[in-house]
Every structure is written in structure tokens, then in C-alpha cells.
Amino acid sequence: MKKTALWYDFSGSPAASFLLFHGIIVIFLVFLGKRIMSVNSNISFLEDIFQRYELTKREKETAFLLLEGLTNNKIAENLSLSTVTVKSHATSIYRKFKVKSRAEFMAKMFKER
């Protein structure tokens, strides 16, 4: 990867290109998260999916807020939990959905839709 005038040239590095693409997807999904997975308009649909993946009550609450695009700190604030607990719930959710990140979780939920 080399820096040109205003851009980085990723043509020689597949790993760097992948990371750039993944970063763009994360930004896109988080930015549009409220429109893609509005909890109010998809609550019964989401409940069915969360039931299928055997999420606990707290994991469901956390998952709803993840899909709304909230940060871990905001989720902790809304649910009166510590940030460490929110991260633990998120990790458990990702494991159950067989994904590795928030972006993958959101993408999988969008596909399920």
C-alpha cells in the first residue's frame, strides 16, 4: 500500500483491500442500521429469528440495540449494564449467529429479512 496525492493505492495488497472494503461495509451498515432494521417495524420478525438462535432475554435486548446502531456504551446506558457485560452479550450473540463482528451480524440479519 502506498500513499498517492489524496488516496492510498491498495492494488498491491489484497489484505489491505479487504480491510478497506470491510470498513466501508461497517460504516454503511451502522449508518443505515436504523432504516435497515428498525426495531419498531420488524419486532415480531426479529423475535422469531432470535428465538430460532436461542438468544436469552438480555441477548435479545442487546441485539435489538445493536441493530439500531447504538454503541456499546449507549447500549449499556439503556439497559443499565456495564460495558463489559454488553460486550459479553454481543460476543455470545455473534457466536450463536456464527459471525465475528457487528457488521457481519447486521449483514446476516439483513439477509434473513
N, C-alpha and C. Protein backbone atom coordinates (compact mmCIF):
# COMPACT_ATOMS: atom_id res chain seq x y z
N MET A 1 0.85 -1.16 0.00
CA MET A 1 0.00 0.00 0.00
C MET A 1 0.90 1.23 0.00
N LYS A 2 0.68 2.11 -0.94
CA LYS A 2 1.45 3.36 -0.96
C LYS A 2 0.50 4.53 -1.07
N LYS A 3 0.94 5.63 -0.51
CA LYS A 3 0.11 6.82 -0.50
C LYS A 3 0.37 7.62 -1.76
N THR A 4 -0.72 7.93 -2.46
CA THR A 4 -0.63 8.83 -3.59
C THR A 4 -1.08 10.21 -3.09
N ALA A 5 -1.35 11.13 -3.96
CA ALA A 5 -1.67 12.51 -3.56
C ALA A 5 -2.76 12.58 -2.48
N LEU A 6 -3.93 12.04 -2.75
CA LEU A 6 -5.02 12.10 -1.78
C LEU A 6 -5.54 10.73 -1.36
N TRP A 7 -5.11 9.68 -2.02
CA TRP A 7 -5.64 8.35 -1.78
C TRP A 7 -4.52 7.37 -1.49
N TYR A 8 -4.89 6.23 -0.93
CA TYR A 8 -3.95 5.13 -0.77
C TYR A 8 -4.17 4.16 -1.92
N ASP A 9 -3.08 3.64 -2.47
CA ASP A 9 -3.16 2.67 -3.55
C ASP A 9 -3.16 1.28 -2.93
N PHE A 10 -4.29 0.57 -3.03
CA PHE A 10 -4.42 -0.75 -2.43
C PHE A 10 -4.24 -1.86 -3.47
N SER A 11 -3.84 -1.52 -4.67
CA SER A 11 -3.79 -2.50 -5.75
C SER A 11 -2.82 -3.64 -5.48
N GLY A 12 -1.77 -3.43 -4.72
CA GLY A 12 -0.80 -4.49 -4.49
C GLY A 12 -1.04 -5.30 -3.23
N SER A 13 -2.08 -5.01 -2.48
CA SER A 13 -2.28 -5.67 -1.19
C SER A 13 -3.71 -6.16 -1.04
N PRO A 14 -3.95 -7.45 -1.29
CA PRO A 14 -5.30 -7.99 -1.12
C PRO A 14 -5.82 -7.83 0.31
N ALA A 15 -4.95 -7.99 1.30
CA ALA A 15 -5.38 -7.86 2.69
C ALA A 15 -5.84 -6.44 2.98
N ALA A 16 -5.09 -5.46 2.53
CA ALA A 16 -5.47 -4.07 2.75
C ALA A 16 -6.77 -3.74 2.03
N SER A 17 -6.94 -4.27 0.84
CA SER A 17 -8.18 -4.04 0.09
C SER A 17 -9.38 -4.64 0.83
N PHE A 18 -9.18 -5.84 1.38
CA PHE A 18 -10.25 -6.49 2.13
C PHE A 18 -10.62 -5.65 3.35
N LEU A 19 -9.61 -5.18 4.08
CA LEU A 19 -9.88 -4.38 5.27
C LEU A 19 -10.59 -3.08 4.92
N LEU A 20 -10.21 -2.45 3.83
CA LEU A 20 -10.87 -1.24 3.39
C LEU A 20 -12.33 -1.54 3.06
N PHE A 21 -12.58 -2.60 2.30
CA PHE A 21 -13.94 -2.98 1.93
C PHE A 21 -14.77 -3.28 3.18
N HIS A 22 -14.19 -4.06 4.11
CA HIS A 22 -14.89 -4.41 5.34
C HIS A 22 -15.23 -3.14 6.14
N GLY A 23 -14.30 -2.20 6.20
CA GLY A 23 -14.54 -0.95 6.91
C GLY A 23 -15.67 -0.15 6.29
N ILE A 24 -15.72 -0.11 4.98
CA ILE A 24 -16.79 0.61 4.28
C ILE A 24 -18.14 -0.04 4.58
N ILE A 25 -18.18 -1.37 4.57
CA ILE A 25 -19.42 -2.10 4.87
C ILE A 25 -19.88 -1.79 6.29
N VAL A 26 -18.96 -1.79 7.25
CA VAL A 26 -19.29 -1.48 8.64
C VAL A 26 -19.92 -0.10 8.74
N ILE A 27 -19.28 0.89 8.15
CA ILE A 27 -19.80 2.26 8.18
C ILE A 27 -21.18 2.33 7.54
N PHE A 28 -21.33 1.68 6.40
CA PHE A 28 -22.62 1.68 5.70
C PHE A 28 -23.72 1.06 6.55
N LEU A 29 -23.44 -0.12 7.12
CA LEU A 29 -24.46 -0.82 7.89
C LEU A 29 -24.81 -0.09 9.18
N VAL A 30 -23.81 0.46 9.85
CA VAL A 30 -24.09 1.19 11.09
C VAL A 30 -24.86 2.47 10.77
N PHE A 31 -24.44 3.17 9.72
CA PHE A 31 -25.11 4.41 9.34
C PHE A 31 -26.57 4.17 8.96
N LEU A 32 -26.81 3.08 8.23
CA LEU A 32 -28.17 2.79 7.78
C LEU A 32 -28.90 1.80 8.69
N GLY A 33 -28.28 1.42 9.78
CA GLY A 33 -28.85 0.42 10.68
C GLY A 33 -30.28 0.70 11.10
N LYS A 34 -30.57 1.94 11.38
CA LYS A 34 -31.92 2.28 11.83
C LYS A 34 -32.94 2.05 10.74
N ARG A 35 -32.56 2.30 9.51
CA ARG A 35 -33.50 2.08 8.40
C ARG A 35 -33.60 0.61 8.03
N ILE A 36 -32.48 -0.09 8.08
CA ILE A 36 -32.46 -1.50 7.69
C ILE A 36 -33.23 -2.34 8.69
N MET A 37 -32.97 -2.13 9.96
CA MET A 37 -33.54 -2.98 10.98
C MET A 37 -34.26 -2.17 12.05
N SER A 38 -35.18 -1.36 11.65
CA SER A 38 -35.94 -0.60 12.63
C SER A 38 -36.69 -1.57 13.53
N VAL A 39 -36.36 -1.55 14.80
CA VAL A 39 -36.96 -2.49 15.74
C VAL A 39 -38.47 -2.35 15.75
N ASN A 40 -38.98 -1.13 15.67
CA ASN A 40 -40.42 -0.91 15.74
C ASN A 40 -41.17 -1.59 14.61
N SER A 41 -40.62 -1.60 13.41
CA SER A 41 -41.34 -2.16 12.27
C SER A 41 -41.07 -3.64 12.06
N ASN A 42 -40.06 -4.20 12.72
CA ASN A 42 -39.69 -5.60 12.49
C ASN A 42 -39.66 -6.44 13.77
N ILE A 43 -40.33 -6.00 14.81
CA ILE A 43 -40.17 -6.64 16.12
C ILE A 43 -40.58 -8.11 16.11
N SER A 44 -41.69 -8.47 15.52
CA SER A 44 -42.12 -9.88 15.54
C SER A 44 -41.21 -10.73 14.66
N PHE A 45 -40.76 -10.16 13.54
CA PHE A 45 -39.82 -10.86 12.66
C PHE A 45 -38.52 -11.14 13.40
N LEU A 46 -38.01 -10.13 14.10
CA LEU A 46 -36.76 -10.28 14.84
C LEU A 46 -36.93 -11.25 16.00
N GLU A 47 -38.04 -11.19 16.69
CA GLU A 47 -38.31 -12.13 17.79
C GLU A 47 -38.24 -13.57 17.30
N ASP A 48 -38.81 -13.83 16.13
CA ASP A 48 -38.78 -15.19 15.56
C ASP A 48 -37.34 -15.64 15.30
N ILE A 49 -36.54 -14.75 14.73
CA ILE A 49 -35.15 -15.10 14.45
C ILE A 49 -34.38 -15.32 15.75
N PHE A 50 -34.57 -14.43 16.71
CA PHE A 50 -33.85 -14.56 17.98
C PHE A 50 -34.26 -15.83 18.71
N GLN A 51 -35.51 -16.22 18.59
CA GLN A 51 -35.99 -17.48 19.19
C GLN A 51 -35.29 -18.66 18.53
N ARG A 52 -35.18 -18.62 17.22
CA ARG A 52 -34.54 -19.70 16.47
C ARG A 52 -33.08 -19.88 16.87
N TYR A 53 -32.39 -18.78 17.15
CA TYR A 53 -30.98 -18.83 17.55
C TYR A 53 -30.80 -18.95 19.07
N GLU A 54 -31.91 -19.10 19.79
CA GLU A 54 -31.91 -19.34 21.23
C GLU A 54 -31.19 -18.24 22.03
N LEU A 55 -31.50 -17.00 21.72
CA LEU A 55 -30.95 -15.88 22.47
C LEU A 55 -31.68 -15.76 23.81
N THR A 56 -30.94 -15.40 24.85
CA THR A 56 -31.54 -15.13 26.15
C THR A 56 -32.28 -13.79 26.08
N LYS A 57 -33.02 -13.50 27.15
CA LYS A 57 -33.76 -12.23 27.20
C LYS A 57 -32.81 -11.04 27.06
N ARG A 58 -31.70 -11.05 27.81
CA ARG A 58 -30.75 -9.94 27.75
C ARG A 58 -30.03 -9.88 26.40
N GLU A 59 -29.74 -11.02 25.82
CA GLU A 59 -29.12 -11.04 24.49
C GLU A 59 -30.07 -10.45 23.45
N LYS A 60 -31.36 -10.75 23.57
CA LYS A 60 -32.35 -10.17 22.66
C LYS A 60 -32.38 -8.65 22.79
N GLU A 61 -32.41 -8.17 24.02
CA GLU A 61 -32.43 -6.73 24.25
C GLU A 61 -31.18 -6.07 23.66
N THR A 62 -30.05 -6.73 23.86
CA THR A 62 -28.78 -6.22 23.33
C THR A 62 -28.80 -6.25 21.80
N ALA A 63 -29.29 -7.34 21.23
CA ALA A 63 -29.33 -7.49 19.77
C ALA A 63 -30.20 -6.42 19.12
N PHE A 64 -31.36 -6.13 19.72
CA PHE A 64 -32.22 -5.07 19.19
C PHE A 64 -31.45 -3.76 19.10
N LEU A 65 -30.72 -3.42 20.16
CA LEU A 65 -30.00 -2.15 20.20
C LEU A 65 -28.78 -2.16 19.28
N LEU A 66 -28.13 -3.33 19.13
CA LEU A 66 -27.04 -3.45 18.16
C LEU A 66 -27.56 -3.12 16.76
N LEU A 67 -28.73 -3.67 16.44
CA LEU A 67 -29.32 -3.45 15.12
C LEU A 67 -29.77 -2.01 14.91
N GLU A 68 -30.03 -1.31 15.99
CA GLU A 68 -30.39 0.11 15.89
C GLU A 68 -29.16 0.98 15.67
N GLY A 69 -27.97 0.36 15.78
CA GLY A 69 -26.74 1.10 15.53
C GLY A 69 -26.15 1.78 16.76
N LEU A 70 -26.63 1.43 17.96
CA LEU A 70 -26.10 2.04 19.17
C LEU A 70 -24.71 1.49 19.49
N THR A 71 -23.91 2.31 20.13
CA THR A 71 -22.58 1.89 20.58
C THR A 71 -22.74 1.04 21.83
N ASN A 72 -21.68 0.33 22.20
CA ASN A 72 -21.71 -0.48 23.42
C ASN A 72 -22.01 0.39 24.64
N ASN A 73 -21.43 1.59 24.68
CA ASN A 73 -21.68 2.48 25.81
C ASN A 73 -23.15 2.89 25.89
N LYS A 74 -23.75 3.21 24.76
CA LYS A 74 -25.17 3.60 24.75
C LYS A 74 -26.07 2.42 25.11
N ILE A 75 -25.72 1.23 24.62
CA ILE A 75 -26.49 0.03 24.97
C ILE A 75 -26.42 -0.20 26.48
N ALA A 76 -25.21 -0.08 27.04
CA ALA A 76 -25.03 -0.26 28.49
C ALA A 76 -25.88 0.74 29.26
N GLU A 77 -25.89 1.96 28.79
CA GLU A 77 -26.68 3.02 29.43
C GLU A 77 -28.17 2.70 29.37
N ASN A 78 -28.65 2.29 28.19
CA ASN A 78 -30.08 2.00 28.01
C ASN A 78 -30.54 0.79 28.83
N LEU A 79 -29.68 -0.20 28.98
CA LEU A 79 -30.06 -1.43 29.68
C LEU A 79 -29.59 -1.47 31.13
N SER A 80 -28.96 -0.39 31.58
CA SER A 80 -28.40 -0.31 32.94
C SER A 80 -27.44 -1.47 33.21
N LEU A 81 -26.53 -1.67 32.28
CA LEU A 81 -25.50 -2.70 32.39
C LEU A 81 -24.13 -2.04 32.27
N SER A 82 -23.11 -2.81 32.59
CA SER A 82 -21.75 -2.30 32.35
C SER A 82 -21.40 -2.56 30.89
N THR A 83 -20.44 -1.82 30.38
CA THR A 83 -19.98 -2.01 29.01
C THR A 83 -19.40 -3.40 28.84
N VAL A 84 -18.73 -3.91 29.86
CA VAL A 84 -18.15 -5.26 29.80
C VAL A 84 -19.26 -6.30 29.61
N THR A 85 -20.37 -6.13 30.31
CA THR A 85 -21.50 -7.06 30.17
C THR A 85 -22.10 -6.98 28.77
N VAL A 86 -22.22 -5.78 28.24
CA VAL A 86 -22.75 -5.61 26.88
C VAL A 86 -21.83 -6.32 25.89
N LYS A 87 -20.52 -6.15 26.03
CA LYS A 87 -19.57 -6.82 25.14
C LYS A 87 -19.69 -8.33 25.26
N SER A 88 -19.92 -8.81 26.46
CA SER A 88 -20.10 -10.25 26.68
C SER A 88 -21.36 -10.76 25.97
N HIS A 89 -22.45 -10.01 26.11
CA HIS A 89 -23.70 -10.39 25.41
C HIS A 89 -23.49 -10.36 23.89
N ALA A 90 -22.82 -9.33 23.41
CA ALA A 90 -22.58 -9.22 21.96
C ALA A 90 -21.75 -10.40 21.47
N THR A 91 -20.71 -10.76 22.20
CA THR A 91 -19.87 -11.90 21.82
C THR A 91 -20.69 -13.18 21.78
N SER A 92 -21.56 -13.36 22.75
CA SER A 92 -22.43 -14.55 22.78
C SER A 92 -23.38 -14.56 21.59
N ILE A 93 -23.93 -13.39 21.26
CA ILE A 93 -24.82 -13.27 20.10
C ILE A 93 -24.07 -13.65 18.82
N TYR A 94 -22.86 -13.09 18.64
CA TYR A 94 -22.07 -13.37 17.45
C TYR A 94 -21.75 -14.85 17.35
N ARG A 95 -21.44 -15.48 18.49
CA ARG A 95 -21.13 -16.91 18.49
C ARG A 95 -22.36 -17.73 18.04
N LYS A 96 -23.53 -17.40 18.58
CA LYS A 96 -24.75 -18.12 18.24
C LYS A 96 -25.13 -17.93 16.76
N PHE A 97 -24.85 -16.76 16.21
CA PHE A 97 -25.15 -16.49 14.81
C PHE A 97 -24.01 -16.88 13.88
N LYS A 98 -22.92 -17.38 14.47
CA LYS A 98 -21.74 -17.81 13.72
C LYS A 98 -21.17 -16.68 12.85
N VAL A 99 -21.03 -15.51 13.49
CA VAL A 99 -20.41 -14.35 12.85
C VAL A 99 -19.31 -13.85 13.78
N LYS A 100 -18.46 -12.96 13.25
CA LYS A 100 -17.32 -12.49 14.03
C LYS A 100 -17.37 -11.01 14.39
N SER A 101 -18.34 -10.30 13.88
CA SER A 101 -18.37 -8.86 14.14
C SER A 101 -19.80 -8.33 14.06
N ARG A 102 -19.95 -7.09 14.51
CA ARG A 102 -21.24 -6.40 14.44
C ARG A 102 -21.69 -6.26 12.99
N ALA A 103 -20.74 -5.94 12.11
CA ALA A 103 -21.09 -5.77 10.70
C ALA A 103 -21.59 -7.08 10.10
N GLU A 104 -20.94 -8.19 10.42
CA GLU A 104 -21.39 -9.49 9.92
C GLU A 104 -22.76 -9.84 10.49
N PHE A 105 -22.98 -9.52 11.77
CA PHE A 105 -24.28 -9.77 12.39
C PHE A 105 -25.37 -8.98 11.68
N MET A 106 -25.11 -7.70 11.44
CA MET A 106 -26.10 -6.87 10.75
C MET A 106 -26.36 -7.37 9.33
N ALA A 107 -25.29 -7.76 8.65
CA ALA A 107 -25.44 -8.28 7.28
C ALA A 107 -26.27 -9.56 7.28
N LYS A 108 -26.00 -10.44 8.24
CA LYS A 108 -26.76 -11.69 8.32
C LYS A 108 -28.22 -11.43 8.61
N MET A 109 -28.50 -10.48 9.50
CA MET A 109 -29.89 -10.14 9.79
C MET A 109 -30.58 -9.53 8.57
N PHE A 110 -29.84 -8.73 7.82
CA PHE A 110 -30.41 -8.15 6.61
C PHE A 110 -30.74 -9.24 5.59
N LYS A 111 -29.88 -10.25 5.47
CA LYS A 111 -30.14 -11.36 4.56
C LYS A 111 -31.35 -12.17 5.02
N GLU A 112 -31.50 -12.36 6.33
CA GLU A 112 -32.64 -13.13 6.87
C GLU A 112 -33.95 -12.43 6.59
N ARG A 113 -33.87 -11.12 6.45
CA ARG A 113 -35.05 -10.30 6.23
C ARG A 113 -35.64 -10.65 4.91
